[in-house]
Amino acid sequence: MRDEVQERIVEGIPTETYHEAEQILPFKHDTSRSTIASALLPHTTGEPRTYAVYVLECLQNGTGAATVLSQGVSTTSVSRYGDAGECRRVIYVGMAKRVLDRIDQHLNKPGGEGAYFTALYPPIRVLQVGWFNGKEQAQEAERLTADLLEEKFPADFIAYPG
């Protein structure tokens, strides 16, 4: 599984941060479902796999603590992830059966249905998506993706809910 995750996901992660990237940052100004779908389209394979492990790059300056606390994020989460913005890059690894819906939650329902981490550090672009056959396989791939990214990019902050 480790080799599969390395090949399907980790090798496709760009080394440059969103500050250095020449590509358009789709979520900077538009977090609509159509923009999310456009950002995910290059990561579709046509394979009959049902679960996705996705990798998002997030804004480093994040959202202010007062704002996310008002959205229901706990003070524990705020203090736990408070230093992430000091790293070279902030990356979030997640897993979902309906990846478009899940990224929509991260972008448009922070702290509620979205993750507390992405309420603090909103996603700015999709770095990679890997597809897997089942939930258990995707959960293992999510953990391995985070571990391999920590090895490959030690100056980056890697967050995942697993």
Protein backbone atom coordinates (compact mmCIF):
# COMPACT_ATOMS: atom_id res chain seq x y z
CA MET A 1 0.00 0.00 0.00
CA ARG A 2 2.86 2.37 0.80
CA ASP A 3 4.25 2.15 -2.75
CA GLU A 4 0.78 2.66 -4.22
CA VAL A 5 0.21 5.80 -2.13
CA GLN A 6 3.67 7.07 -3.01
CA GLU A 7 2.96 6.63 -6.72
CA ARG A 8 -0.72 7.69 -6.81
CA ILE A 9 -0.58 10.66 -4.48
CA VAL A 10 2.75 11.80 -3.04
CA GLU A 11 4.73 11.90 -6.29
CA GLY A 12 2.10 14.23 -7.78
CA ILE A 13 2.38 16.87 -5.05
CA PRO A 14 4.14 19.99 -6.33
CA THR A 15 7.12 21.20 -4.33
CA GLU A 16 6.33 24.90 -4.66
CA THR A 17 4.02 26.70 -2.25
CA TYR A 18 0.98 28.60 -3.49
CA HIS A 19 3.05 31.78 -3.15
CA GLU A 20 5.52 30.42 -5.71
CA ALA A 21 3.03 28.72 -8.02
CA GLU A 22 2.25 30.19 -11.40
CA GLN A 23 -1.16 28.55 -11.53
CA ILE A 24 -4.38 30.31 -10.68
CA LEU A 25 -5.52 29.73 -7.11
CA PRO A 26 -9.13 28.68 -7.62
CA PHE A 27 -10.42 29.01 -4.05
CA LYS A 28 -8.93 32.44 -3.37
CA HIS A 29 -11.93 34.29 -4.77
CA ASP A 30 -14.55 31.65 -5.57
CA THR A 31 -15.58 28.68 -3.44
CA SER A 32 -18.61 27.66 -5.50
CA ARG A 33 -19.28 24.01 -6.27
CA SER A 34 -18.50 24.62 -9.95
CA THR A 35 -15.05 25.98 -9.02
CA ILE A 36 -14.44 22.97 -6.77
CA ALA A 37 -15.50 20.63 -9.59
CA SER A 38 -13.12 22.40 -12.00
CA ALA A 39 -10.27 22.04 -9.50
CA LEU A 40 -11.02 18.32 -9.09
CA LEU A 41 -11.45 17.54 -12.79
CA PRO A 42 -7.72 17.05 -13.54
CA HIS A 43 -7.63 14.46 -10.74
CA THR A 44 -10.35 12.22 -12.15
CA THR A 45 -9.16 8.96 -13.66
CA GLY A 46 -12.27 7.21 -14.91
CA GLU A 47 -11.42 4.23 -12.72
CA PRO A 48 -14.30 2.59 -10.84
CA ARG A 49 -12.90 3.49 -7.42
CA THR A 50 -15.24 4.95 -4.83
CA TYR A 51 -13.17 6.67 -2.13
CA ALA A 52 -10.79 9.58 -2.53
CA VAL A 53 -7.81 10.69 -0.49
CA TYR A 54 -7.34 14.38 -1.19
CA VAL A 55 -4.53 16.78 -0.40
CA LEU A 56 -5.27 20.50 0.04
CA GLU A 57 -2.88 23.39 0.44
CA CYS A 58 -4.23 25.93 2.90
CA LEU A 59 -3.71 29.63 3.51
CA GLN A 60 -0.86 30.19 5.93
CA ASN A 61 -2.18 33.35 7.54
CA GLY A 62 -5.37 31.50 8.32
CA THR A 63 -8.51 32.85 9.87
CA GLY A 64 -8.41 34.84 13.09
CA ALA A 65 -9.01 32.97 16.33
CA ALA A 66 -12.04 35.10 17.24
CA THR A 67 -13.70 34.29 13.92
CA VAL A 68 -13.24 30.52 14.17
CA LEU A 69 -14.24 30.47 17.84
CA SER A 70 -17.52 32.11 16.80
CA GLN A 71 -17.94 29.30 14.22
CA GLY A 72 -17.80 26.66 16.96
CA VAL A 73 -14.12 25.73 16.82
CA SER A 74 -12.81 24.88 20.28
CA THR A 75 -10.01 26.79 21.98
CA THR A 76 -8.15 23.46 22.14
CA SER A 77 -8.17 23.21 18.33
CA VAL A 78 -7.07 26.83 17.98
CA SER A 79 -4.10 26.29 20.31
CA ARG A 80 -3.28 22.86 18.82
CA TYR A 81 -2.91 24.22 15.29
CA GLY A 82 -1.85 27.77 16.09
CA ASP A 83 1.74 27.38 14.92
CA ALA A 84 0.92 25.77 11.55
CA GLY A 85 1.12 29.11 9.76
CA GLU A 86 4.78 29.45 10.71
CA CYS A 87 5.74 26.46 8.54
CA ARG A 88 6.81 26.64 4.88
CA ARG A 89 3.45 25.32 3.72
CA VAL A 90 0.20 24.19 5.37
CA ILE A 91 -1.26 20.95 3.96
CA TYR A 92 -4.44 19.09 4.88
CA VAL A 93 -4.98 15.41 3.97
CA GLY A 94 -8.52 14.05 4.01
CA MET A 95 -10.62 11.13 2.81
CA ALA A 96 -14.15 11.10 1.40
CA LYS A 97 -16.54 9.10 -0.70
CA ARG A 98 -18.04 12.28 -2.16
CA VAL A 99 -14.94 14.44 -2.46
CA LEU A 100 -16.70 17.41 -4.08
CA ASP A 101 -19.21 17.56 -1.22
CA ARG A 102 -16.46 17.22 1.37
CA ILE A 103 -14.29 19.99 -0.05
CA ASP A 104 -17.41 22.16 -0.29
CA GLN A 105 -17.90 21.59 3.44
CA HIS A 106 -14.28 22.56 4.13
CA LEU A 107 -14.62 25.77 2.13
CA ASN A 108 -18.18 26.87 2.87
CA LYS A 109 -19.08 25.37 6.26
CA PRO A 110 -15.90 25.82 8.32
CA GLY A 111 -15.99 24.49 11.86
CA GLY A 112 -19.44 23.00 11.35
CA GLU A 113 -19.59 20.20 8.81
CA GLY A 114 -16.08 21.12 7.65
CA ALA A 115 -12.95 20.30 9.61
CA TYR A 116 -11.82 22.55 12.45
CA PHE A 117 -8.38 22.70 10.86
CA THR A 118 -9.70 24.12 7.59
CA ALA A 119 -11.74 26.63 9.56
CA LEU A 120 -8.41 27.94 10.88
CA TYR A 121 -6.48 27.51 7.62
CA PRO A 122 -8.87 27.70 4.63
CA PRO A 123 -7.97 25.61 1.56
CA ILE A 124 -6.49 27.55 -1.36
CA ARG A 125 -5.92 24.75 -3.90
CA VAL A 126 -6.19 21.00 -4.48
CA LEU A 127 -2.73 19.48 -4.71
CA GLN A 128 -3.65 15.88 -5.47
CA VAL A 129 -6.40 13.27 -5.30
CA GLY A 130 -5.91 9.50 -5.22
CA TRP A 131 -8.77 7.04 -5.65
CA PHE A 132 -9.25 3.78 -3.73
CA ASN A 133 -11.66 0.83 -3.77
CA GLY A 134 -13.10 0.99 -0.28
CA LYS A 135 -13.29 2.93 2.95
CA GLU A 136 -10.73 0.84 4.85
CA GLN A 137 -8.22 1.10 2.00
CA ALA A 138 -8.77 4.87 1.77
CA GLN A 139 -8.35 5.32 5.53
CA GLU A 140 -5.03 3.51 5.41
CA ALA A 141 -4.01 5.56 2.34
CA GLU A 142 -4.93 8.79 4.15
CA ARG A 143 -2.62 7.92 7.06
CA LEU A 144 0.19 6.81 4.75
CA THR A 145 -0.19 9.97 2.65
CA ALA A 146 0.26 12.15 5.73
CA ASP A 147 3.27 10.10 6.87
CA LEU A 148 4.94 10.18 3.44
CA LEU A 149 4.31 13.91 3.06
CA GLU A 150 5.92 14.55 6.45
CA GLU A 151 8.97 12.62 5.23
CA LYS A 152 9.12 14.35 1.84
CA PHE A 153 8.34 17.88 3.07
CA PRO A 154 9.69 18.20 6.64
CA ALA A 155 9.33 22.01 6.62
CA ASP A 156 5.60 21.76 5.88
CA PHE A 157 2.80 21.37 8.43
CA ILE A 158 0.78 18.25 7.54
CA ALA A 159 -2.64 17.85 9.16
CA TYR A 160 -5.05 14.96 8.84
CA PRO A 161 -8.00 13.92 10.98
CA GLY A 162 -7.07 10.21 11.17
